[in-house]
PDB file of N, CA and C in Angstrom:
ATOM      1  N   UNK A   1     -66.137  81.309  -4.331  1.00  0.00           N
ATOM      2  CA  UNK A   1     -65.432  80.569  -5.084  1.00  0.00           C
ATOM      3  C   UNK A   1     -64.240  81.154  -5.847  1.00  0.00           C
ATOM      4  N   UNK A   2     -63.206  80.431  -5.702  1.00  0.00           N
ATOM      5  CA  UNK A   2     -61.912  81.124  -6.326  1.00  0.00           C
ATOM      6  C   UNK A   2     -61.328  82.022  -5.743  1.00  0.00           C
ATOM      7  N   UNK A   3     -61.809  82.516  -4.275  1.00  0.00           N
ATOM      8  CA  UNK A   3     -60.819  83.526  -3.562  1.00  0.00           C
ATOM      9  C   UNK A   3     -59.377  82.946  -3.502  1.00  0.00           C
ATOM     10  N   UNK A   4     -59.531  81.890  -3.234  1.00  0.00           N
ATOM     11  CA  UNK A   4     -58.303  81.135  -2.624  1.00  0.00           C
ATOM     12  C   UNK A   4     -57.187  80.919  -3.780  1.00  0.00           C
ATOM     13  N   UNK A   5     -57.734  80.514  -4.960  1.00  0.00           N
ATOM     14  CA  UNK A   5     -56.829  80.437  -5.993  1.00  0.00           C
ATOM     15  C   UNK A   5     -56.334  81.761  -6.731  1.00  0.00           C
ATOM     16  N   UNK A   6     -57.130  83.147  -6.510  1.00  0.00           N
ATOM     17  CA  UNK A   6     -56.541  84.282  -6.700  1.00  0.00           C
ATOM     18  C   UNK A   6     -55.735  84.919  -5.551  1.00  0.00           C
ATOM     19  N   UNK A   7     -55.707  84.343  -4.233  1.00  0.00           N
ATOM     20  CA  UNK A   7     -54.508  84.496  -3.196  1.00  0.00           C
ATOM     21  C   UNK A   7     -53.444  83.892  -3.707  1.00  0.00           C
ATOM     22  N   UNK A   8     -53.369  82.260  -4.100  1.00  0.00           N
ATOM     23  CA  UNK A   8     -52.107  82.037  -4.178  1.00  0.00           C
ATOM     24  C   UNK A   8     -51.751  82.090  -5.499  1.00  0.00           C
ATOM     25  N   UNK A   9     -52.424  82.184  -6.556  1.00  0.00           N
ATOM     26  CA  UNK A   9     -52.112  82.890  -7.633  1.00  0.00           C
ATOM     27  C   UNK A   9     -50.872  84.159  -7.732  1.00  0.00           C
ATOM     28  N   UNK A  10     -51.389  84.523  -6.821  1.00  0.00           N
ATOM     29  CA  UNK A  10     -50.571  86.184  -6.493  1.00  0.00           C
ATOM     30  C   UNK A  10     -49.141  85.968  -6.161  1.00  0.00           C
ATOM     31  N   UNK A  11     -49.235  85.009  -4.868  1.00  0.00           N
ATOM     32  CA  UNK A  11     -48.134  84.306  -4.120  1.00  0.00           C
ATOM     33  C   UNK A  11     -46.987  83.759  -4.970  1.00  0.00           C
ATOM     34  N   UNK A  12     -47.975  82.732  -5.920  1.00  0.00           N
ATOM     35  CA  UNK A  12     -46.998  82.126  -6.633  1.00  0.00           C
ATOM     36  C   UNK A  12     -46.310  82.944  -7.934  1.00  0.00           C
ATOM     37  N   UNK A  13     -47.126  83.922  -8.127  1.00  0.00           N
ATOM     38  CA  UNK A  13     -46.600  84.979  -9.336  1.00  0.00           C
ATOM     39  C   UNK A  13     -45.420  85.977  -8.642  1.00  0.00           C
ATOM     40  N   UNK A  14     -45.656  86.062  -7.241  1.00  0.00           N
ATOM     41  CA  UNK A  14     -44.789  87.220  -6.982  1.00  0.00           C
ATOM     42  C   UNK A  14     -43.594  86.262  -6.063  1.00  0.00           C
ATOM     43  N   UNK A  15     -43.450  85.176  -5.914  1.00  0.00           N
ATOM     44  CA  UNK A  15     -42.264  84.189  -5.743  1.00  0.00           C
ATOM     45  C   UNK A  15     -42.459  83.550  -4.143  1.00  0.00           C
ATOM     46  N   UNK A  16     -43.420  83.995  -3.588  1.00  0.00           N
ATOM     47  CA  UNK A  16     -43.633  83.435  -2.878  1.00  0.00           C
ATOM     48  C   UNK A  16     -44.386  81.869  -2.313  1.00  0.00           C
ATOM     49  N   UNK A  17     -43.333  80.957  -1.204  1.00  0.00           N
ATOM     50  CA  UNK A  17     -43.812  79.838  -0.780  1.00  0.00           C
ATOM     51  C   UNK A  17     -44.316  79.768   0.442  1.00  0.00           C
ATOM     52  N   UNK A  18     -45.593  79.418   0.098  1.00  0.00           N
ATOM     53  CA  UNK A  18     -46.373  78.856   1.516  1.00  0.00           C
ATOM     54  C   UNK A  18     -45.887  77.923   2.340  1.00  0.00           C
ATOM     55  N   UNK A  19     -45.958  77.904   3.618  1.00  0.00           N
ATOM     56  CA  UNK A  19     -45.605  77.064   4.333  1.00  0.00           C
ATOM     57  C   UNK A  19     -46.996  76.421   4.836  1.00  0.00           C
ATOM     58  N   UNK A  20     -47.724  76.803   5.351  1.00  0.00           N
ATOM     59  CA  UNK A  20     -49.083  76.807   5.812  1.00  0.00           C
ATOM     60  C   UNK A  20     -50.643  77.346   5.806  1.00  0.00           C
ATOM     61  N   UNK A  21     -51.114  77.275   5.288  1.00  0.00           N
ATOM     62  CA  UNK A  21     -52.395  77.642   5.195  1.00  0.00           C
ATOM     63  C   UNK A  21     -53.417  77.229   6.012  1.00  0.00           C
ATOM     64  N   UNK A  22     -54.166  78.297   6.687  1.00  0.00           N
ATOM     65  CA  UNK A  22     -56.024  77.910   7.173  1.00  0.00           C
ATOM     66  C   UNK A  22     -56.956  78.655   6.994  1.00  0.00           C
ATOM     67  N   UNK A  23     -57.947  78.324   6.379  1.00  0.00           N
ATOM     68  CA  UNK A  23     -59.005  79.082   5.895  1.00  0.00           C
ATOM     69  C   UNK A  23     -60.142  78.636   7.251  1.00  0.00           C
ATOM     70  N   UNK A  24     -60.554  79.649   7.553  1.00  0.00           N
ATOM     71  CA  UNK A  24     -61.867  79.200   8.687  1.00  0.00           C
ATOM     72  C   UNK A  24     -63.330  79.704   7.786  1.00  0.00           C
ATOM     73  N   UNK A  25     -64.067  79.268   7.813  1.00  0.00           N
ATOM     74  CA  UNK A  25     -65.031  79.892   7.568  1.00  0.00           C
ATOM     75  C   UNK A  25     -66.328  79.138   8.080  1.00  0.00           C
ATOM     76  N   UNK A  26     -67.888  79.898   7.634  1.00  0.00           N
ATOM     77  CA  UNK A  26     -68.902  79.170   8.321  1.00  0.00           C
ATOM     78  C   UNK A  26     -69.754  79.441   7.268  1.00  0.00           C
ATOM     79  N   UNK A  27     -71.041  77.901   7.590  1.00  0.00           N
ATOM     80  CA  UNK A  27     -71.939  77.444   6.841  1.00  0.00           C
ATOM     81  C   UNK A  27     -72.377  78.077   5.566  1.00  0.00           C
ATOM     82  N   UNK A  28     -72.816  78.867   6.347  1.00  0.00           N
ATOM     83  CA  UNK A  28     -73.700  80.122   5.133  1.00  0.00           C
ATOM     84  C   UNK A  28     -72.633  80.597   4.033  1.00  0.00           C
ATOM     85  N   UNK A  29     -70.945  80.558   3.680  1.00  0.00           N
ATOM     86  CA  UNK A  29     -70.622  80.934   2.821  1.00  0.00           C
ATOM     87  C   UNK A  29     -70.309  82.493   2.771  1.00  0.00           C
ATOM     88  N   UNK A  30     -70.220  83.564   4.078  1.00  0.00           N
ATOM     89  CA  UNK A  30     -70.134  84.398   4.475  1.00  0.00           C
ATOM     90  C   UNK A  30     -68.509  84.522   4.306  1.00  0.00           C
ATOM     91  N   UNK A  31     -68.120  85.755   4.872  1.00  0.00           N
ATOM     92  CA  UNK A  31     -66.693  85.886   4.589  1.00  0.00           C
ATOM     93  C   UNK A  31     -66.122  85.041   5.237  1.00  0.00           C
ATOM     94  N   UNK A  32     -64.684  84.647   4.679  1.00  0.00           N
ATOM     95  CA  UNK A  32     -63.968  83.409   5.637  1.00  0.00           C
ATOM     96  C   UNK A  32     -62.456  84.017   6.128  1.00  0.00           C
ATOM     97  N   UNK A  33     -61.966  83.793   7.013  1.00  0.00           N
ATOM     98  CA  UNK A  33     -60.589  84.423   7.319  1.00  0.00           C
ATOM     99  C   UNK A  33     -59.536  83.019   6.716  1.00  0.00           C
ATOM    100  N   UNK A  34     -58.452  84.006   6.040  1.00  0.00           N
ATOM    101  CA  UNK A  34     -57.799  82.860   5.608  1.00  0.00           C
ATOM    102  C   UNK A  34     -55.861  83.619   6.088  1.00  0.00           C
ATOM    103  N   UNK A  35     -55.346  82.664   7.008  1.00  0.00           N
ATOM    104  CA  UNK A  35     -53.938  82.896   7.356  1.00  0.00           C
ATOM    105  C   UNK A  35     -52.952  82.159   6.655  1.00  0.00           C
ATOM    106  N   UNK A  36     -51.743  82.697   6.419  1.00  0.00           N
ATOM    107  CA  UNK A  36     -50.928  81.884   5.983  1.00  0.00           C
ATOM    108  C   UNK A  36     -49.460  82.107   6.338  1.00  0.00           C
ATOM    109  N   UNK A  37     -48.677  81.011   6.856  1.00  0.00           N
ATOM    110  CA  UNK A  37     -47.146  81.459   6.843  1.00  0.00           C
ATOM    111  C   UNK A  37     -46.686  80.712   5.829  1.00  0.00           C
ATOM    112  N   UNK A  38     -45.656  81.610   5.473  1.00  0.00           N
ATOM    113  CA  UNK A  38     -44.473  81.382   4.015  1.00  0.00           C
ATOM    114  C   UNK A  38     -43.358  81.034   4.857  1.00  0.00           C
ATOM    115  N   UNK A  39     -42.589  80.212   3.865  1.00  0.00           N
ATOM    116  CA  UNK A  39     -41.162  80.060   4.297  1.00  0.00           C
ATOM    117  C   UNK A  39     -40.492  81.257   3.724  1.00  0.00           C
ATOM    118  N   UNK A  40     -39.437  81.323   4.741  1.00  0.00           N
ATOM    119  CA  UNK A  40     -38.675  82.491   4.553  1.00  0.00           C
ATOM    120  C   UNK A  40     -38.048  82.877   3.031  1.00  0.00           C
ATOM    121  N   UNK A  41     -37.966  84.147   3.043  1.00  0.00           N
ATOM    122  CA  UNK A  41     -38.004  84.876   1.711  1.00  0.00           C
ATOM    123  C   UNK A  41     -37.762  86.497   1.673  1.00  0.00           C
ATOM    124  N   UNK A  42     -37.273  87.027   0.560  1.00  0.00           N
ATOM    125  CA  UNK A  42     -37.130  88.780   0.514  1.00  0.00           C
ATOM    126  C   UNK A  42     -38.902  89.402   0.752  1.00  0.00           C
ATOM    127  N   UNK A  43     -38.629  89.986   1.546  1.00  0.00           N
ATOM    128  CA  UNK A  43     -39.314  90.869   1.699  1.00  0.00           C
ATOM    129  C   UNK A  43     -40.145  91.546   0.719  1.00  0.00           C
ATOM    130  N   UNK A  44     -39.311  91.793  -0.314  1.00  0.00           N
ATOM    131  CA  UNK A  44     -39.639  92.095  -1.236  1.00  0.00           C
ATOM    132  C   UNK A  44     -40.833  91.679  -2.453  1.00  0.00           C
ATOM    133  N   UNK A  45     -40.784  90.031  -2.142  1.00  0.00           N
ATOM    134  CA  UNK A  45     -41.765  89.173  -2.721  1.00  0.00           C
ATOM    135  C   UNK A  45     -43.101  89.053  -1.716  1.00  0.00           C
ATOM    136  N   UNK A  46     -43.235  89.442  -0.632  1.00  0.00           N
ATOM    137  CA  UNK A  46     -44.137  89.836  -0.168  1.00  0.00           C
ATOM    138  C   UNK A  46     -45.200  90.876  -0.476  1.00  0.00           C
ATOM    139  N   UNK A  47     -44.155  91.830  -0.534  1.00  0.00           N
ATOM    140  CA  UNK A  47     -44.686  93.052  -0.864  1.00  0.00           C
ATOM    141  C   UNK A  47     -45.457  93.277  -2.245  1.00  0.00           C
ATOM    142  N   UNK A  48     -44.600  92.516  -3.100  1.00  0.00           N
ATOM    143  CA  UNK A  48     -45.254  92.147  -4.828  1.00  0.00           C
ATOM    144  C   UNK A  48     -46.543  91.530  -4.833  1.00  0.00           C
ATOM    145  N   UNK A  49     -46.504  90.258  -3.595  1.00  0.00           N
ATOM    146  CA  UNK A  49     -48.051  89.968  -3.706  1.00  0.00           C
ATOM    147  C   UNK A  49     -49.108  90.630  -2.821  1.00  0.00           C
ATOM    148  N   UNK A  50     -48.861  91.696  -2.324  1.00  0.00           N
ATOM    149  CA  UNK A  50     -49.868  92.605  -1.473  1.00  0.00           C
ATOM    150  C   UNK A  50     -50.344  93.359  -2.759  1.00  0.00           C
ATOM    151  N   UNK A  51     -49.400  93.712  -3.738  1.00  0.00           N
ATOM    152  CA  UNK A  51     -49.594  95.041  -4.845  1.00  0.00           C
ATOM    153  C   UNK A  51     -50.316  94.070  -5.767  1.00  0.00           C
ATOM    154  N   UNK A  52     -49.960  92.602  -6.203  1.00  0.00           N
ATOM    155  CA  UNK A  52     -50.856  92.317  -7.011  1.00  0.00           C
ATOM    156  C   UNK A  52     -52.019  91.797  -6.521  1.00  0.00           C
ATOM    157  N   UNK A  53     -52.490  91.686  -5.114  1.00  0.00           N
ATOM    158  CA  UNK A  53     -53.775  91.579  -4.260  1.00  0.00           C
ATOM    159  C   UNK A  53     -54.506  92.903  -4.619  1.00  0.00           C
ATOM    160  N   UNK A  54     -53.866  93.928  -4.458  1.00  0.00           N
ATOM    161  CA  UNK A  54     -54.371  95.165  -4.132  1.00  0.00           C
ATOM    162  C   UNK A  54     -55.744  95.804  -4.914  1.00  0.00           C
ATOM    163  N   UNK A  55     -56.987  95.943  -3.892  1.00  0.00           N
ATOM    164  CA  UNK A  55     -57.965  96.436  -4.611  1.00  0.00           C
ATOM    165  C   UNK A  55     -58.340  95.337  -5.386  1.00  0.00           C
ATOM    166  N   UNK A  56     -58.420  94.186  -5.026  1.00  0.00           N
ATOM    167  CA  UNK A  56     -59.002  92.938  -5.303  1.00  0.00           C
ATOM    168  C   UNK A  56     -60.367  93.061  -4.978  1.00  0.00           C
ATOM    169  N   UNK A  57     -61.552  93.020  -5.721  1.00  0.00           N
ATOM    170  CA  UNK A  57     -63.272  92.308  -5.189  1.00  0.00           C
ATOM    171  C   UNK A  57     -63.649  91.435  -4.386  1.00  0.00           C
ATOM    172  N   UNK A  58     -62.368  90.528  -4.382  1.00  0.00           N
ATOM    173  CA  UNK A  58     -62.571  89.038  -3.548  1.00  0.00           C
ATOM    174  C   UNK A  58     -62.207  89.035  -2.224  1.00  0.00           C
ATOM    175  N   UNK A  59     -61.330  90.391  -2.142  1.00  0.00           N
ATOM    176  CA  UNK A  59     -60.898  90.302  -0.521  1.00  0.00           C
ATOM    177  C   UNK A  59     -62.101  91.191   0.110  1.00  0.00           C
ATOM    178  N   UNK A  60     -62.132  90.961   1.249  1.00  0.00           N
ATOM    179  CA  UNK A  60     -63.405  91.803   2.171  1.00  0.00           C
ATOM    180  C   UNK A  60     -62.526  92.936   2.716  1.00  0.00           C
ATOM    181  N   UNK A  61     -61.048  92.449   3.070  1.00  0.00           N
ATOM    182  CA  UNK A  61     -60.139  93.670   3.767  1.00  0.00           C
ATOM    183  C   UNK A  61     -59.068  93.445   3.427  1.00  0.00           C
ATOM    184  N   UNK A  62     -58.076  94.639   3.372  1.00  0.00           N
ATOM    185  CA  UNK A  62     -56.751  94.490   2.881  1.00  0.00           C
ATOM    186  C   UNK A  62     -56.049  93.357   3.609  1.00  0.00           C
ATOM    187  N   UNK A  63     -55.226  92.254   3.315  1.00  0.00           N
ATOM    188  CA  UNK A  63     -54.195  91.741   3.984  1.00  0.00           C
ATOM    189  C   UNK A  63     -53.391  92.116   5.183  1.00  0.00           C
ATOM    190  N   UNK A  64     -53.420  91.561   6.279  1.00  0.00           N
ATOM    191  CA  UNK A  64     -52.613  91.465   7.295  1.00  0.00           C
ATOM    192  C   UNK A  64     -51.398  91.504   7.169  1.00  0.00           C
ATOM    193  N   UNK A  65     -50.120  91.713   7.280  1.00  0.00           N
ATOM    194  CA  UNK A  65     -48.916  91.032   7.249  1.00  0.00           C
ATOM    195  C   UNK A  65     -48.338  91.351   8.551  1.00  0.00           C
ATOM    196  N   UNK A  66     -47.779  89.935   9.449  1.00  0.00           N
ATOM    197  CA  UNK A  66     -47.190  90.149  10.873  1.00  0.00           C
ATOM    198  C   UNK A  66     -45.887  89.101  10.377  1.00  0.00           C
ATOM    199  N   UNK A  67     -44.954  90.071  11.012  1.00  0.00           N
ATOM    200  CA  UNK A  67     -43.476  89.026  10.786  1.00  0.00           C
ATOM    201  C   UNK A  67     -43.377  88.026  12.288  1.00  0.00           C
ATOM    202  N   UNK A  68     -42.715  86.694  11.677  1.00  0.00           N
ATOM    203  CA  UNK A  68     -42.255  86.016  12.702  1.00  0.00           C
ATOM    204  C   UNK A  68     -40.947  85.931  12.977  1.00  0.00           C
ATOM    205  N   UNK A  69     -40.737  85.881  14.171  1.00  0.00           N
ATOM    206  CA  UNK A  69     -39.217  86.280  14.505  1.00  0.00           C
ATOM    207  C   UNK A  69     -38.527  84.902  14.712  1.00  0.00           C
ATOM    208  N   UNK A  70     -37.502  84.544  13.607  1.00  0.00           N
ATOM    209  CA  UNK A  70     -37.043  83.460  13.979  1.00  0.00           C
ATOM    210  C   UNK A  70     -35.998  83.227  15.457  1.00  0.00           C
ATOM    211  N   UNK A  71     -35.040  82.316  15.511  1.00  0.00           N
ATOM    212  CA  UNK A  71     -34.261  81.945  16.184  1.00  0.00           C
ATOM    213  C   UNK A  71     -33.078  82.906  16.226  1.00  0.00           C
TER     214      UNK A  71
END
């Protein structure tokens, strides 16, 4: 509990707007996968969100960033 709030607070504090979010887990409350797509914005804001999350004990693994190429 609270992990998603920590992630979204880091995004908020870095000025990153979330376009969509999926949280996939299982019934035993083990690790869950969270995938987000953000609205277009400066890459520096994503870097700041990652910095804010760096070393968080709530995250099982470091975040993975994938660029989505537009038109």
